[in-house]
Amino acid sequence: MIKNHSYQVEVLWTGNTGQGTQCYRSYARSHQISIEGKPLILASSDPSFLGDKTKYNPEELLVASLASCHMLWYLHLCSEANIIVVNYCDRAIGKMIETKEGSGRFAEVILKPEITITSTSDPQVAKSLHEQAHHLCFIANSVNFSVRCEPSIES
């Protein structure tokens, strides 16, 4: 049975410095992302595009979405396979190519989860579950670039 899901997000530009978008440098890229009942996410563009380096940018949030979705599927699969994960930290890296016209696209994202499992858990099974998590990840299934996973497992 196919289920449809809907996600409502509000993005509000907060970067009008009084001149609107009169010219490329006349406005800030600041905006806020909100979802009812959740804390605000303060965002901007990448500093390379005149953004505020103290705020999240869309590129970082895309990489975070991929890493988070993969982790959640992986933990689910581990719980079903009797693999007890006690620590999970991913230091994911997204690689984007900017064209001479100023546009760009992601070339790849590399997930680098560092996982600690109990000594009674099978490290080979733990490692193999990453492939299945990748194929189940909603976000990875929605992007048109390579998402690789380079896990390390310790017990």
N, C-alpha and C. Protein backbone atom coordinates (compact mmCIF):
# COMPACT_ATOMS: atom_id res chain seq x y z
N MET A 1 0.84 -1.18 0.00
CA MET A 1 0.00 0.00 0.00
C MET A 1 0.89 1.25 0.00
N ILE A 2 0.64 2.13 -0.90
CA ILE A 2 1.38 3.38 -0.99
C ILE A 2 0.73 4.42 -0.08
N LYS A 3 1.57 5.09 0.70
CA LYS A 3 1.10 6.16 1.58
C LYS A 3 1.71 7.46 1.10
N ASN A 4 0.94 8.50 1.09
CA ASN A 4 1.45 9.82 0.77
C ASN A 4 1.65 10.60 2.06
N HIS A 5 2.73 11.36 2.12
CA HIS A 5 3.03 12.19 3.28
C HIS A 5 3.21 13.62 2.79
N SER A 6 2.87 14.55 3.63
CA SER A 6 3.00 15.97 3.29
C SER A 6 3.78 16.67 4.39
N TYR A 7 4.68 17.55 4.00
CA TYR A 7 5.50 18.28 4.97
C TYR A 7 5.36 19.77 4.69
N GLN A 8 4.87 20.49 5.67
CA GLN A 8 4.67 21.92 5.51
C GLN A 8 5.76 22.68 6.26
N VAL A 9 6.47 23.51 5.54
CA VAL A 9 7.57 24.30 6.08
C VAL A 9 7.36 25.75 5.64
N GLU A 10 7.65 26.68 6.54
CA GLU A 10 7.60 28.10 6.18
C GLU A 10 9.02 28.65 6.13
N VAL A 11 9.35 29.30 5.04
CA VAL A 11 10.64 29.99 4.90
C VAL A 11 10.33 31.48 4.77
N LEU A 12 10.85 32.26 5.71
CA LEU A 12 10.58 33.69 5.74
C LEU A 12 11.88 34.46 5.59
N TRP A 13 11.99 35.28 4.57
CA TRP A 13 13.17 36.10 4.35
C TRP A 13 13.18 37.22 5.39
N THR A 14 14.29 37.36 6.10
CA THR A 14 14.44 38.39 7.15
C THR A 14 15.58 39.34 6.81
N GLY A 15 16.02 39.32 5.56
CA GLY A 15 17.21 40.06 5.18
C GLY A 15 16.99 41.39 4.47
N ASN A 16 15.79 41.97 4.56
CA ASN A 16 15.58 43.28 3.94
C ASN A 16 16.25 44.33 4.82
N THR A 17 17.30 44.94 4.30
CA THR A 17 18.05 45.95 5.06
C THR A 17 17.52 47.36 4.83
N GLY A 18 16.36 47.47 4.20
CA GLY A 18 15.74 48.77 3.95
C GLY A 18 15.69 49.13 2.47
N GLN A 19 16.45 48.42 1.66
CA GLN A 19 16.48 48.70 0.21
C GLN A 19 15.88 47.57 -0.61
N GLY A 20 15.41 46.54 0.06
CA GLY A 20 14.91 45.38 -0.66
C GLY A 20 16.01 44.77 -1.51
N THR A 21 15.66 44.30 -2.66
CA THR A 21 16.64 43.68 -3.57
C THR A 21 17.06 44.65 -4.67
N GLN A 22 17.29 45.88 -4.27
CA GLN A 22 17.68 46.92 -5.22
C GLN A 22 18.91 46.52 -6.03
N CYS A 23 19.87 45.88 -5.40
CA CYS A 23 21.03 45.34 -6.11
C CYS A 23 21.53 44.12 -5.34
N TYR A 24 22.46 43.39 -5.92
CA TYR A 24 22.93 42.12 -5.36
C TYR A 24 23.49 42.27 -3.94
N ARG A 25 24.11 43.37 -3.65
CA ARG A 25 24.72 43.57 -2.33
C ARG A 25 23.83 44.39 -1.38
N SER A 26 22.62 44.72 -1.78
CA SER A 26 21.77 45.57 -0.95
C SER A 26 20.92 44.81 0.06
N TYR A 27 20.97 43.51 0.04
CA TYR A 27 20.13 42.73 0.95
C TYR A 27 20.93 41.61 1.62
N ALA A 28 20.46 41.22 2.78
CA ALA A 28 21.07 40.09 3.49
C ALA A 28 20.36 38.81 3.06
N ARG A 29 21.08 37.73 3.15
CA ARG A 29 20.52 36.43 2.75
C ARG A 29 19.83 35.73 3.91
N SER A 30 19.69 36.39 5.02
CA SER A 30 19.11 35.80 6.22
C SER A 30 17.65 35.43 6.02
N HIS A 31 17.30 34.28 6.57
CA HIS A 31 15.92 33.82 6.57
C HIS A 31 15.73 32.85 7.72
N GLN A 32 14.49 32.57 8.01
CA GLN A 32 14.21 31.61 9.06
C GLN A 32 13.31 30.52 8.50
N ILE A 33 13.57 29.33 9.00
CA ILE A 33 12.79 28.16 8.59
C ILE A 33 11.98 27.75 9.81
N SER A 34 10.68 27.64 9.63
CA SER A 34 9.86 27.28 10.78
C SER A 34 8.86 26.20 10.41
N ILE A 35 8.58 25.41 11.41
CA ILE A 35 7.57 24.38 11.34
C ILE A 35 6.78 24.50 12.63
N GLU A 36 5.48 24.50 12.52
CA GLU A 36 4.64 24.71 13.69
C GLU A 36 5.02 23.78 14.83
N GLY A 37 5.22 24.39 16.01
CA GLY A 37 5.52 23.63 17.21
C GLY A 37 6.98 23.26 17.38
N LYS A 38 7.86 23.76 16.50
CA LYS A 38 9.28 23.43 16.58
C LYS A 38 10.11 24.71 16.63
N PRO A 39 11.34 24.63 17.15
CA PRO A 39 12.19 25.82 17.19
C PRO A 39 12.53 26.32 15.78
N LEU A 40 12.75 27.60 15.68
CA LEU A 40 13.17 28.21 14.42
C LEU A 40 14.57 27.75 14.04
N ILE A 41 14.81 27.63 12.76
CA ILE A 41 16.16 27.42 12.23
C ILE A 41 16.56 28.73 11.57
N LEU A 42 17.62 29.35 12.07
CA LEU A 42 18.11 30.58 11.47
C LEU A 42 19.07 30.20 10.36
N ALA A 43 18.79 30.71 9.17
CA ALA A 43 19.55 30.28 8.00
C ALA A 43 19.99 31.48 7.17
N SER A 44 20.90 31.20 6.26
CA SER A 44 21.42 32.20 5.33
C SER A 44 21.97 31.44 4.14
N SER A 45 22.64 32.13 3.25
CA SER A 45 23.34 31.44 2.18
C SER A 45 24.76 31.14 2.65
N ASP A 46 25.45 30.33 1.89
CA ASP A 46 26.85 30.04 2.14
C ASP A 46 27.62 31.37 2.13
N PRO A 47 28.62 31.55 2.99
CA PRO A 47 29.39 32.80 2.98
C PRO A 47 29.98 33.13 1.60
N SER A 48 30.23 32.13 0.77
CA SER A 48 30.73 32.38 -0.58
C SER A 48 29.73 33.18 -1.42
N PHE A 49 28.46 33.16 -0.99
CA PHE A 49 27.40 33.86 -1.72
C PHE A 49 26.81 34.97 -0.84
N LEU A 50 27.68 35.61 -0.06
CA LEU A 50 27.35 36.74 0.81
C LEU A 50 26.47 36.37 1.99
N GLY A 51 26.52 35.11 2.41
CA GLY A 51 25.72 34.67 3.54
C GLY A 51 26.40 34.87 4.87
N ASP A 52 25.64 34.66 5.92
CA ASP A 52 26.10 34.79 7.29
C ASP A 52 26.68 33.45 7.74
N LYS A 53 27.97 33.41 8.03
CA LYS A 53 28.63 32.16 8.38
C LYS A 53 28.17 31.59 9.72
N THR A 54 27.45 32.38 10.52
CA THR A 54 26.98 31.89 11.81
C THR A 54 25.64 31.18 11.71
N LYS A 55 25.06 31.14 10.51
CA LYS A 55 23.76 30.50 10.32
C LYS A 55 23.89 29.31 9.37
N TYR A 56 22.95 28.38 9.48
CA TYR A 56 22.92 27.23 8.59
C TYR A 56 22.61 27.68 7.17
N ASN A 57 23.17 26.97 6.19
CA ASN A 57 22.82 27.28 4.80
C ASN A 57 22.16 26.05 4.17
N PRO A 58 21.45 26.23 3.06
CA PRO A 58 20.72 25.12 2.45
C PRO A 58 21.60 23.92 2.11
N GLU A 59 22.83 24.17 1.71
CA GLU A 59 23.72 23.08 1.35
C GLU A 59 24.05 22.22 2.57
N GLU A 60 24.33 22.88 3.69
CA GLU A 60 24.59 22.14 4.94
C GLU A 60 23.37 21.35 5.37
N LEU A 61 22.20 21.95 5.23
CA LEU A 61 20.98 21.27 5.65
C LEU A 61 20.67 20.06 4.76
N LEU A 62 21.03 20.13 3.49
CA LEU A 62 20.85 18.97 2.61
C LEU A 62 21.75 17.82 3.06
N VAL A 63 23.01 18.12 3.33
CA VAL A 63 23.94 17.09 3.80
C VAL A 63 23.45 16.52 5.14
N ALA A 64 22.99 17.40 6.03
CA ALA A 64 22.48 16.95 7.33
C ALA A 64 21.25 16.05 7.16
N SER A 65 20.38 16.38 6.20
CA SER A 65 19.20 15.56 5.95
C SER A 65 19.58 14.16 5.50
N LEU A 66 20.55 14.07 4.61
CA LEU A 66 21.02 12.76 4.15
C LEU A 66 21.62 11.95 5.29
N ALA A 67 22.47 12.59 6.09
CA ALA A 67 23.11 11.89 7.20
C ALA A 67 22.09 11.45 8.25
N SER A 68 21.14 12.30 8.54
CA SER A 68 20.12 12.01 9.55
C SER A 68 19.21 10.87 9.10
N CYS A 69 18.75 10.93 7.86
CA CYS A 69 17.86 9.88 7.34
C CYS A 69 18.57 8.54 7.33
N HIS A 70 19.82 8.52 6.87
CA HIS A 70 20.59 7.28 6.85
C HIS A 70 20.73 6.72 8.27
N MET A 71 21.07 7.58 9.22
CA MET A 71 21.24 7.15 10.60
C MET A 71 19.96 6.53 11.16
N LEU A 72 18.84 7.18 10.92
CA LEU A 72 17.58 6.68 11.47
C LEU A 72 17.21 5.32 10.90
N TRP A 73 17.43 5.14 9.60
CA TRP A 73 17.19 3.81 9.00
C TRP A 73 18.17 2.79 9.56
N TYR A 74 19.42 3.17 9.66
CA TYR A 74 20.44 2.25 10.16
C TYR A 74 20.11 1.78 11.58
N LEU A 75 19.76 2.70 12.46
CA LEU A 75 19.41 2.34 13.84
C LEU A 75 18.20 1.40 13.86
N HIS A 76 17.23 1.67 13.01
CA HIS A 76 16.05 0.81 12.91
C HIS A 76 16.46 -0.61 12.50
N LEU A 77 17.28 -0.70 11.46
CA LEU A 77 17.71 -2.02 10.98
C LEU A 77 18.55 -2.75 12.03
N CYS A 78 19.39 -2.02 12.74
CA CYS A 78 20.18 -2.64 13.81
C CYS A 78 19.28 -3.20 14.90
N SER A 79 18.26 -2.46 15.27
CA SER A 79 17.36 -2.94 16.32
C SER A 79 16.66 -4.23 15.90
N GLU A 80 16.36 -4.36 14.62
CA GLU A 80 15.72 -5.59 14.12
C GLU A 80 16.71 -6.75 14.01
N ALA A 81 18.00 -6.45 13.82
CA ALA A 81 19.02 -7.49 13.61
C ALA A 81 19.80 -7.83 14.89
N ASN A 82 19.32 -7.36 16.03
CA ASN A 82 19.99 -7.60 17.32
C ASN A 82 21.42 -7.05 17.35
N ILE A 83 21.63 -5.96 16.67
CA ILE A 83 22.89 -5.21 16.74
C ILE A 83 22.63 -4.06 17.70
N ILE A 84 23.36 -4.02 18.79
CA ILE A 84 23.12 -2.97 19.79
C ILE A 84 24.13 -1.85 19.58
N VAL A 85 23.63 -0.74 19.07
CA VAL A 85 24.44 0.45 18.85
C VAL A 85 24.40 1.28 20.12
N VAL A 86 25.58 1.69 20.60
CA VAL A 86 25.64 2.52 21.80
C VAL A 86 26.14 3.94 21.50
N ASN A 87 26.70 4.13 20.29
CA ASN A 87 27.14 5.46 19.88
C ASN A 87 27.14 5.53 18.37
N TYR A 88 26.73 6.69 17.84
CA TYR A 88 26.70 6.90 16.39
C TYR A 88 27.00 8.37 16.15
N CYS A 89 28.03 8.64 15.38
CA CYS A 89 28.39 10.01 15.02
C CYS A 89 28.82 10.02 13.56
N ASP A 90 28.18 10.84 12.75
CA ASP A 90 28.51 10.93 11.34
C ASP A 90 29.08 12.31 11.05
N ARG A 91 30.24 12.34 10.44
CA ARG A 91 30.86 13.60 10.01
C ARG A 91 30.82 13.62 8.49
N ALA A 92 29.60 13.82 7.97
CA ALA A 92 29.33 13.75 6.54
C ALA A 92 29.94 14.95 5.81
N ILE A 93 30.28 14.70 4.54
CA ILE A 93 30.89 15.74 3.70
C ILE A 93 30.11 15.82 2.39
N GLY A 94 29.68 17.01 2.04
CA GLY A 94 29.01 17.23 0.75
C GLY A 94 29.95 17.98 -0.17
N LYS A 95 30.00 17.53 -1.42
CA LYS A 95 30.85 18.19 -2.41
C LYS A 95 29.97 18.79 -3.50
N MET A 96 30.09 20.11 -3.66
CA MET A 96 29.29 20.83 -4.63
C MET A 96 30.20 21.45 -5.68
N ILE A 97 29.73 21.46 -6.91
CA ILE A 97 30.45 22.07 -8.02
C ILE A 97 29.70 23.33 -8.42
N GLU A 98 30.40 24.46 -8.43
CA GLU A 98 29.80 25.72 -8.87
C GLU A 98 30.22 25.97 -10.31
N THR A 99 29.26 26.31 -11.14
CA THR A 99 29.57 26.58 -12.55
C THR A 99 30.00 28.03 -12.73
N LYS A 100 30.56 28.34 -13.88
CA LYS A 100 31.01 29.71 -14.14
C LYS A 100 29.84 30.69 -14.20
N GLU A 101 28.63 30.18 -14.45
CA GLU A 101 27.43 31.03 -14.47
C GLU A 101 26.93 31.35 -13.06
N GLY A 102 27.50 30.67 -12.05
CA GLY A 102 27.09 30.90 -10.68
C GLY A 102 26.13 29.86 -10.14
N SER A 103 25.61 29.02 -11.01
CA SER A 103 24.75 27.92 -10.58
C SER A 103 25.63 26.82 -10.01
N GLY A 104 25.05 25.74 -9.62
CA GLY A 104 25.86 24.64 -9.11
C GLY A 104 25.02 23.41 -8.88
N ARG A 105 25.70 22.36 -8.47
CA ARG A 105 25.02 21.11 -8.15
C ARG A 105 25.92 20.30 -7.24
N PHE A 106 25.32 19.45 -6.48
CA PHE A 106 26.11 18.53 -5.66
C PHE A 106 26.65 17.44 -6.54
N ALA A 107 27.91 17.10 -6.35
CA ALA A 107 28.54 16.00 -7.08
C ALA A 107 28.40 14.72 -6.26
N GLU A 108 28.53 14.83 -4.94
CA GLU A 108 28.38 13.66 -4.08
C GLU A 108 28.31 14.09 -2.63
N VAL A 109 27.82 13.17 -1.83
CA VAL A 109 27.87 13.30 -0.37
C VAL A 109 28.49 12.00 0.14
N ILE A 110 29.42 12.15 1.06
CA ILE A 110 30.06 10.99 1.67
C ILE A 110 29.67 10.97 3.14
N LEU A 111 28.99 9.92 3.53
CA LEU A 111 28.64 9.72 4.93
C LEU A 111 29.79 8.98 5.59
N LYS A 112 30.17 9.41 6.78
CA LYS A 112 31.31 8.81 7.49
C LYS A 112 30.91 8.47 8.93
N PRO A 113 29.91 7.59 9.07
CA PRO A 113 29.48 7.28 10.43
C PRO A 113 30.51 6.48 11.21
N GLU A 114 30.71 6.89 12.46
CA GLU A 114 31.56 6.17 13.41
C GLU A 114 30.61 5.57 14.43
N ILE A 115 30.56 4.23 14.46
CA ILE A 115 29.57 3.53 15.25
C ILE A 115 30.25 2.65 16.28
N THR A 116 29.72 2.68 17.49
CA THR A 116 30.18 1.76 18.53
C THR A 116 29.02 0.82 18.83
N ILE A 117 29.34 -0.49 18.80
CA ILE A 117 28.36 -1.52 19.12
C ILE A 117 28.85 -2.31 20.33
N THR A 118 27.97 -3.05 20.93
CA THR A 118 28.38 -3.88 22.07
C THR A 118 29.22 -5.06 21.58
N SER A 119 29.99 -5.64 22.48
CA SER A 119 30.87 -6.77 22.13
C SER A 119 30.07 -8.01 21.73
N THR A 120 28.81 -8.07 22.09
CA THR A 120 27.98 -9.21 21.70
C THR A 120 27.34 -9.04 20.32
N SER A 121 27.51 -7.86 19.73
CA SER A 121 26.96 -7.59 18.40
C SER A 121 27.96 -7.98 17.32
N ASP A 122 27.46 -8.44 16.19
CA ASP A 122 28.30 -8.89 15.08
C ASP A 122 28.73 -7.70 14.21
N PRO A 123 30.03 -7.35 14.19
CA PRO A 123 30.47 -6.19 13.42
C PRO A 123 30.26 -6.34 11.91
N GLN A 124 30.31 -7.55 11.38
CA GLN A 124 30.09 -7.75 9.94
C GLN A 124 28.64 -7.45 9.58
N VAL A 125 27.73 -7.91 10.40
CA VAL A 125 26.31 -7.61 10.17
C VAL A 125 26.08 -6.11 10.32
N ALA A 126 26.68 -5.54 11.36
CA ALA A 126 26.53 -4.09 11.60
C ALA A 126 26.98 -3.30 10.38
N LYS A 127 28.10 -3.68 9.80
CA LYS A 127 28.61 -2.97 8.62
C LYS A 127 27.70 -3.18 7.41
N SER A 128 27.21 -4.40 7.24
CA SER A 128 26.39 -4.71 6.06
C SER A 128 25.05 -3.98 6.06
N LEU A 129 24.57 -3.59 7.21
CA LEU A 129 23.27 -2.92 7.28
C LEU A 129 23.29 -1.52 6.68
N HIS A 130 24.47 -0.96 6.49
CA HIS A 130 24.55 0.37 5.87
C HIS A 130 24.03 0.36 4.44
N GLU A 131 24.30 -0.69 3.71
CA GLU A 131 23.82 -0.78 2.33
C GLU A 131 22.29 -0.78 2.29
N GLN A 132 21.69 -1.54 3.17
CA GLN A 132 20.23 -1.59 3.22
C GLN A 132 19.66 -0.23 3.66
N ALA A 133 20.30 0.40 4.65
CA ALA A 133 19.85 1.71 5.11
C ALA A 133 19.90 2.72 3.96
N HIS A 134 20.95 2.64 3.17
CA HIS A 134 21.08 3.55 2.02
C HIS A 134 19.91 3.37 1.06
N HIS A 135 19.55 2.15 0.77
CA HIS A 135 18.47 1.88 -0.19
C HIS A 135 17.10 2.25 0.36
N LEU A 136 16.96 2.31 1.66
CA LEU A 136 15.68 2.68 2.27
C LEU A 136 15.55 4.18 2.55
N CYS A 137 16.66 4.88 2.58
CA CYS A 137 16.66 6.31 2.95
C CYS A 137 15.83 7.14 1.98
N PHE A 138 14.82 7.82 2.52
CA PHE A 138 13.94 8.64 1.71
C PHE A 138 14.70 9.75 0.98
N ILE A 139 15.62 10.37 1.67
CA ILE A 139 16.34 11.50 1.10
C ILE A 139 17.31 11.02 0.03
N ALA A 140 18.07 9.97 0.31
CA ALA A 140 19.01 9.44 -0.69
C ALA A 140 18.28 8.99 -1.95
N ASN A 141 17.07 8.48 -1.79
CA ASN A 141 16.28 8.07 -2.95
C ASN A 141 15.74 9.25 -3.75
N SER A 142 15.90 10.45 -3.23
CA SER A 142 15.33 11.63 -3.86
C SER A 142 16.36 12.53 -4.53
N VAL A 143 17.63 12.23 -4.38
CA VAL A 143 18.66 13.10 -4.96
C VAL A 143 19.25 12.47 -6.22
N ASN A 144 19.85 13.31 -7.05
CA ASN A 144 20.39 12.84 -8.33
C ASN A 144 21.91 12.82 -8.36
N PHE A 145 22.51 12.65 -7.21
CA PHE A 145 23.97 12.56 -7.11
C PHE A 145 24.33 11.39 -6.20
N SER A 146 25.58 11.00 -6.24
CA SER A 146 26.06 9.86 -5.48
C SER A 146 26.07 10.16 -3.98
N VAL A 147 25.58 9.19 -3.20
CA VAL A 147 25.68 9.25 -1.75
C VAL A 147 26.42 7.97 -1.35
N ARG A 148 27.64 8.14 -0.85
CA ARG A 148 28.46 7.00 -0.44
C ARG A 148 28.52 6.94 1.08
N CYS A 149 28.76 5.74 1.57
CA CYS A 149 28.88 5.54 3.01
C CYS A 149 30.19 4.85 3.32
N GLU A 150 30.98 5.45 4.19
CA GLU A 150 32.26 4.90 4.62
C GLU A 150 32.23 4.74 6.14
N PRO A 151 31.55 3.68 6.62
CA PRO A 151 31.40 3.53 8.07
C PRO A 151 32.63 2.94 8.74
N SER A 152 32.77 3.24 10.01
CA SER A 152 33.74 2.53 10.85
C SER A 152 32.96 2.00 12.05
N ILE A 153 33.24 0.74 12.37
CA ILE A 153 32.50 0.06 13.44
C ILE A 153 33.51 -0.36 14.52
N GLU A 154 33.19 -0.04 15.75
CA GLU A 154 34.01 -0.48 16.90
C GLU A 154 33.13 -1.17 17.91
N SER A 155 33.70 -2.08 18.63
CA SER A 155 32.93 -2.71 19.72
C SER A 155 33.69 -2.58 21.02
